[in-house]
């Protein structure tokens, strides 16, 4: 039962990302940063939930690693932009690219 919950709850943020892209939200830098933030926090929440339910330690470790990796990736991306990369939006063509 714990395996099914972990797989189901782990896929939810990815399904939401796919649904928002399918609904026409531009897959730009801001959208990906928000996904990393949400996925990182969600993964850490799942790790805590597993810990509170005395789930097997590999699930706790996996969600903690995924969450910390997503948040570190978000931080590195943000730091890279602050170190000289222009924060100005890129011009788009009339067809939205």
N, C-alpha and C. Protein backbone atom coordinates (compact mmCIF):
# COMPACT_ATOMS: atom_id res chain seq x y z
N UNK A 1 0.82 -1.19 0.00
CA UNK A 1 0.00 0.00 0.00
C UNK A 1 0.86 1.26 0.00
N UNK A 2 1.96 1.23 0.78
CA UNK A 2 2.85 2.40 0.83
C UNK A 2 3.49 2.63 -0.52
N UNK A 3 3.83 1.56 -1.24
CA UNK A 3 4.44 1.71 -2.56
C UNK A 3 3.49 2.42 -3.51
N UNK A 4 2.22 2.01 -3.51
CA UNK A 4 1.23 2.64 -4.39
C UNK A 4 1.05 4.12 -4.06
N UNK A 5 0.97 4.46 -2.78
CA UNK A 5 0.82 5.86 -2.40
C UNK A 5 2.03 6.68 -2.83
N UNK A 6 3.23 6.15 -2.63
CA UNK A 6 4.44 6.87 -3.01
C UNK A 6 4.51 7.11 -4.52
N UNK A 7 4.19 6.11 -5.29
CA UNK A 7 4.21 6.27 -6.74
C UNK A 7 3.14 7.25 -7.18
N UNK A 8 1.94 7.11 -6.66
CA UNK A 8 0.85 8.01 -7.03
C UNK A 8 1.16 9.46 -6.64
N UNK A 9 1.58 9.66 -5.39
CA UNK A 9 1.85 11.02 -4.93
C UNK A 9 3.11 11.60 -5.57
N UNK A 10 4.02 10.76 -5.99
CA UNK A 10 5.21 11.24 -6.67
C UNK A 10 4.96 11.69 -8.09
N UNK A 11 3.93 11.16 -8.71
CA UNK A 11 3.62 11.50 -10.10
C UNK A 11 2.75 12.76 -10.20
N UNK A 12 2.06 13.12 -9.15
CA UNK A 12 1.11 14.24 -9.20
C UNK A 12 1.75 15.54 -9.73
N UNK A 13 2.89 16.01 -9.20
CA UNK A 13 3.45 17.26 -9.74
C UNK A 13 3.79 17.18 -11.23
N UNK A 14 4.26 16.01 -11.68
CA UNK A 14 4.58 15.86 -13.10
C UNK A 14 3.32 15.91 -13.95
N UNK A 15 2.24 15.31 -13.48
CA UNK A 15 0.97 15.38 -14.21
C UNK A 15 0.45 16.81 -14.27
N UNK A 16 0.61 17.55 -13.19
CA UNK A 16 0.17 18.94 -13.18
C UNK A 16 0.99 19.77 -14.16
N UNK A 17 2.30 19.53 -14.20
CA UNK A 17 3.15 20.23 -15.17
C UNK A 17 2.71 19.92 -16.59
N UNK A 18 2.48 18.66 -16.88
CA UNK A 18 2.03 18.27 -18.22
C UNK A 18 0.68 18.87 -18.56
N UNK A 19 -0.23 18.90 -17.61
CA UNK A 19 -1.56 19.48 -17.86
C UNK A 19 -1.47 20.98 -18.11
N UNK A 20 -0.60 21.67 -17.38
CA UNK A 20 -0.49 23.12 -17.60
C UNK A 20 0.13 23.42 -18.96
N UNK A 21 1.10 22.61 -19.38
CA UNK A 21 1.68 22.80 -20.72
C UNK A 21 0.63 22.48 -21.78
N UNK A 22 -0.14 21.42 -21.57
CA UNK A 22 -1.19 21.06 -22.53
C UNK A 22 -2.28 22.12 -22.60
N UNK A 23 -2.49 22.85 -21.50
CA UNK A 23 -3.52 23.88 -21.48
C UNK A 23 -3.05 25.17 -22.15
N UNK A 24 -1.79 25.21 -22.55
CA UNK A 24 -1.31 26.37 -23.28
C UNK A 24 -0.41 27.31 -22.50
N UNK A 25 -0.03 26.94 -21.29
CA UNK A 25 0.89 27.77 -20.53
C UNK A 25 2.27 27.64 -21.17
N UNK A 26 2.92 28.77 -21.44
CA UNK A 26 4.25 28.73 -22.04
C UNK A 26 5.22 28.02 -21.12
N UNK A 27 6.00 27.13 -21.70
CA UNK A 27 7.02 26.42 -20.93
C UNK A 27 8.28 27.27 -20.93
N UNK A 28 8.27 28.31 -20.13
CA UNK A 28 9.40 29.22 -20.07
C UNK A 28 10.21 29.00 -18.79
N UNK A 29 11.20 29.82 -18.59
CA UNK A 29 12.09 29.68 -17.44
C UNK A 29 11.33 29.79 -16.11
N UNK A 30 10.42 30.73 -16.02
CA UNK A 30 9.66 30.92 -14.78
C UNK A 30 8.81 29.68 -14.46
N UNK A 31 8.19 29.13 -15.47
CA UNK A 31 7.35 27.95 -15.29
C UNK A 31 8.17 26.77 -14.78
N UNK A 32 9.36 26.57 -15.33
CA UNK A 32 10.23 25.48 -14.87
C UNK A 32 10.75 25.71 -13.47
N UNK A 33 11.07 26.98 -13.13
CA UNK A 33 11.52 27.28 -11.76
C UNK A 33 10.42 26.99 -10.75
N UNK A 34 9.20 27.36 -11.08
CA UNK A 34 8.08 27.07 -10.18
C UNK A 34 7.88 25.57 -10.03
N UNK A 35 8.05 24.82 -11.12
CA UNK A 35 7.92 23.37 -11.03
C UNK A 35 8.98 22.80 -10.10
N UNK A 36 10.23 23.27 -10.23
CA UNK A 36 11.29 22.77 -9.35
C UNK A 36 11.00 23.10 -7.90
N UNK A 37 10.50 24.30 -7.64
CA UNK A 37 10.16 24.68 -6.27
C UNK A 37 9.06 23.79 -5.71
N UNK A 38 7.99 23.64 -6.47
CA UNK A 38 6.86 22.82 -6.01
C UNK A 38 7.29 21.36 -5.85
N UNK A 39 8.04 20.84 -6.82
CA UNK A 39 8.45 19.44 -6.74
C UNK A 39 9.40 19.21 -5.57
N UNK A 40 10.30 20.15 -5.34
CA UNK A 40 11.23 20.02 -4.21
C UNK A 40 10.51 20.01 -2.89
N UNK A 41 9.60 20.96 -2.70
CA UNK A 41 8.85 21.02 -1.44
C UNK A 41 7.92 19.82 -1.29
N UNK A 42 7.31 19.40 -2.39
CA UNK A 42 6.42 18.24 -2.36
C UNK A 42 7.20 16.98 -1.98
N UNK A 43 8.40 16.81 -2.55
CA UNK A 43 9.21 15.63 -2.24
C UNK A 43 9.62 15.60 -0.77
N UNK A 44 10.01 16.74 -0.24
CA UNK A 44 10.38 16.79 1.17
C UNK A 44 9.16 16.50 2.05
N UNK A 45 8.00 16.99 1.64
CA UNK A 45 6.76 16.69 2.37
C UNK A 45 6.47 15.19 2.35
N UNK A 46 6.67 14.55 1.20
CA UNK A 46 6.47 13.10 1.12
C UNK A 46 7.47 12.35 2.00
N UNK A 47 8.71 12.84 2.06
CA UNK A 47 9.70 12.20 2.94
C UNK A 47 9.24 12.28 4.39
N UNK A 48 8.75 13.45 4.80
CA UNK A 48 8.28 13.60 6.19
C UNK A 48 7.05 12.72 6.44
N UNK A 49 6.15 12.66 5.47
CA UNK A 49 4.95 11.84 5.61
C UNK A 49 5.34 10.37 5.78
N UNK A 50 6.31 9.91 4.97
CA UNK A 50 6.79 8.53 5.08
C UNK A 50 7.45 8.28 6.43
N UNK A 51 8.20 9.25 6.90
CA UNK A 51 8.86 9.10 8.19
C UNK A 51 7.83 8.99 9.31
N UNK A 52 6.78 9.82 9.25
CA UNK A 52 5.75 9.80 10.29
C UNK A 52 4.95 8.49 10.26
N UNK A 53 4.83 7.87 9.10
CA UNK A 53 4.09 6.62 8.98
C UNK A 53 5.00 5.40 9.14
N UNK A 54 6.26 5.63 9.51
CA UNK A 54 7.24 4.55 9.69
C UNK A 54 7.38 3.68 8.44
N UNK A 55 7.45 4.35 7.31
CA UNK A 55 7.63 3.65 6.04
C UNK A 55 9.08 3.16 5.94
N UNK A 56 9.34 2.26 5.01
CA UNK A 56 10.72 1.79 4.83
C UNK A 56 11.66 2.96 4.52
N UNK A 57 12.89 2.89 5.04
CA UNK A 57 13.82 4.00 4.92
C UNK A 57 14.18 4.35 3.49
N UNK A 58 14.18 3.41 2.50
CA UNK A 58 14.51 3.84 1.14
C UNK A 58 13.54 4.89 0.58
N UNK A 59 12.26 4.82 0.96
CA UNK A 59 11.31 5.84 0.49
C UNK A 59 11.64 7.19 1.10
N UNK A 60 11.96 7.20 2.37
CA UNK A 60 12.31 8.45 3.05
C UNK A 60 13.56 9.05 2.41
N UNK A 61 14.57 8.22 2.20
CA UNK A 61 15.81 8.70 1.60
C UNK A 61 15.59 9.18 0.17
N UNK A 62 14.82 8.43 -0.61
CA UNK A 62 14.59 8.81 -2.01
C UNK A 62 13.90 10.16 -2.11
N UNK A 63 12.82 10.36 -1.35
CA UNK A 63 12.10 11.63 -1.43
C UNK A 63 12.92 12.79 -0.90
N UNK A 64 13.73 12.52 0.13
CA UNK A 64 14.60 13.58 0.65
C UNK A 64 15.64 13.97 -0.40
N UNK A 65 16.24 12.99 -1.04
CA UNK A 65 17.24 13.26 -2.07
C UNK A 65 16.61 14.01 -3.24
N UNK A 66 15.45 13.57 -3.72
CA UNK A 66 14.78 14.25 -4.83
C UNK A 66 14.43 15.69 -4.47
N UNK A 67 13.92 15.88 -3.26
CA UNK A 67 13.53 17.23 -2.83
C UNK A 67 14.72 18.16 -2.71
N UNK A 68 15.77 17.70 -2.07
CA UNK A 68 16.96 18.53 -1.92
C UNK A 68 17.60 18.80 -3.28
N UNK A 69 17.63 17.80 -4.15
CA UNK A 69 18.21 17.99 -5.49
C UNK A 69 17.42 19.03 -6.29
N UNK A 70 16.09 19.00 -6.21
CA UNK A 70 15.27 19.98 -6.93
C UNK A 70 15.49 21.39 -6.37
N UNK A 71 15.57 21.52 -5.06
CA UNK A 71 15.78 22.84 -4.47
C UNK A 71 17.19 23.36 -4.74
N UNK A 72 18.19 22.48 -4.74
CA UNK A 72 19.55 22.90 -5.07
C UNK A 72 19.62 23.31 -6.54
N UNK A 73 18.97 22.56 -7.41
CA UNK A 73 18.93 22.91 -8.83
C UNK A 73 18.28 24.28 -9.03
N UNK A 74 17.22 24.53 -8.30
CA UNK A 74 16.54 25.82 -8.37
C UNK A 74 17.48 26.93 -7.91
N UNK A 75 18.20 26.69 -6.84
CA UNK A 75 19.13 27.68 -6.31
C UNK A 75 20.28 27.95 -7.29
N UNK A 76 20.81 26.90 -7.91
CA UNK A 76 21.89 27.06 -8.87
C UNK A 76 21.41 27.84 -10.08
N UNK A 77 20.22 27.54 -10.56
CA UNK A 77 19.67 28.28 -11.70
C UNK A 77 19.49 29.75 -11.36
N UNK A 78 18.98 30.02 -10.18
CA UNK A 78 18.76 31.41 -9.76
C UNK A 78 20.09 32.13 -9.61
N UNK A 79 21.08 31.46 -9.01
CA UNK A 79 22.41 32.07 -8.81
C UNK A 79 23.06 32.33 -10.16
N UNK A 80 22.92 31.41 -11.10
CA UNK A 80 23.49 31.58 -12.43
C UNK A 80 22.92 32.79 -13.13
N UNK A 81 21.65 33.06 -12.93
CA UNK A 81 21.02 34.22 -13.54
C UNK A 81 21.50 35.50 -12.88
N UNK A 82 21.73 35.46 -11.58
CA UNK A 82 22.16 36.65 -10.86
C UNK A 82 23.62 36.99 -11.15
N UNK A 83 24.41 36.02 -11.59
CA UNK A 83 25.83 36.25 -11.83
C UNK A 83 26.13 36.88 -13.19
N UNK A 84 25.16 37.31 -13.90
CA UNK A 84 25.46 38.00 -15.15
C UNK A 84 24.52 37.69 -16.28
N UNK A 85 23.77 36.65 -16.18
CA UNK A 85 22.83 36.34 -17.24
C UNK A 85 21.71 37.36 -17.20
N UNK A 86 21.31 37.82 -18.33
CA UNK A 86 20.27 38.85 -18.39
C UNK A 86 18.94 38.32 -17.91
N UNK A 87 18.27 39.11 -17.09
CA UNK A 87 16.96 38.74 -16.60
C UNK A 87 15.86 39.25 -17.51
N UNK A 88 16.24 39.98 -18.57
CA UNK A 88 15.26 40.52 -19.49
C UNK A 88 14.62 39.38 -20.28
N UNK A 89 13.32 39.49 -20.53
CA UNK A 89 12.66 38.44 -21.30
C UNK A 89 13.16 38.44 -22.74
N UNK A 90 13.21 37.26 -23.32
CA UNK A 90 13.64 37.17 -24.71
C UNK A 90 12.48 37.54 -25.62
N UNK A 91 12.78 38.23 -26.72
CA UNK A 91 11.69 38.59 -27.63
C UNK A 91 11.10 37.36 -28.26
N UNK A 92 9.82 37.39 -28.50
CA UNK A 92 9.12 36.25 -29.09
C UNK A 92 8.62 36.60 -30.48
N UNK A 93 8.54 35.62 -31.29
CA UNK A 93 7.99 35.81 -32.62
C UNK A 93 6.48 35.80 -32.54
N UNK A 94 5.80 36.26 -33.57
CA UNK A 94 4.33 36.28 -33.52
C UNK A 94 3.68 34.92 -33.29
N UNK A 95 4.37 33.83 -33.65
CA UNK A 95 3.76 32.51 -33.44
C UNK A 95 4.03 31.98 -32.03
N UNK A 96 4.67 32.77 -31.14
CA UNK A 96 4.81 32.40 -29.74
C UNK A 96 6.10 31.71 -29.39
N UNK A 97 7.03 31.60 -30.33
CA UNK A 97 8.31 30.92 -30.04
C UNK A 97 9.34 31.88 -29.53
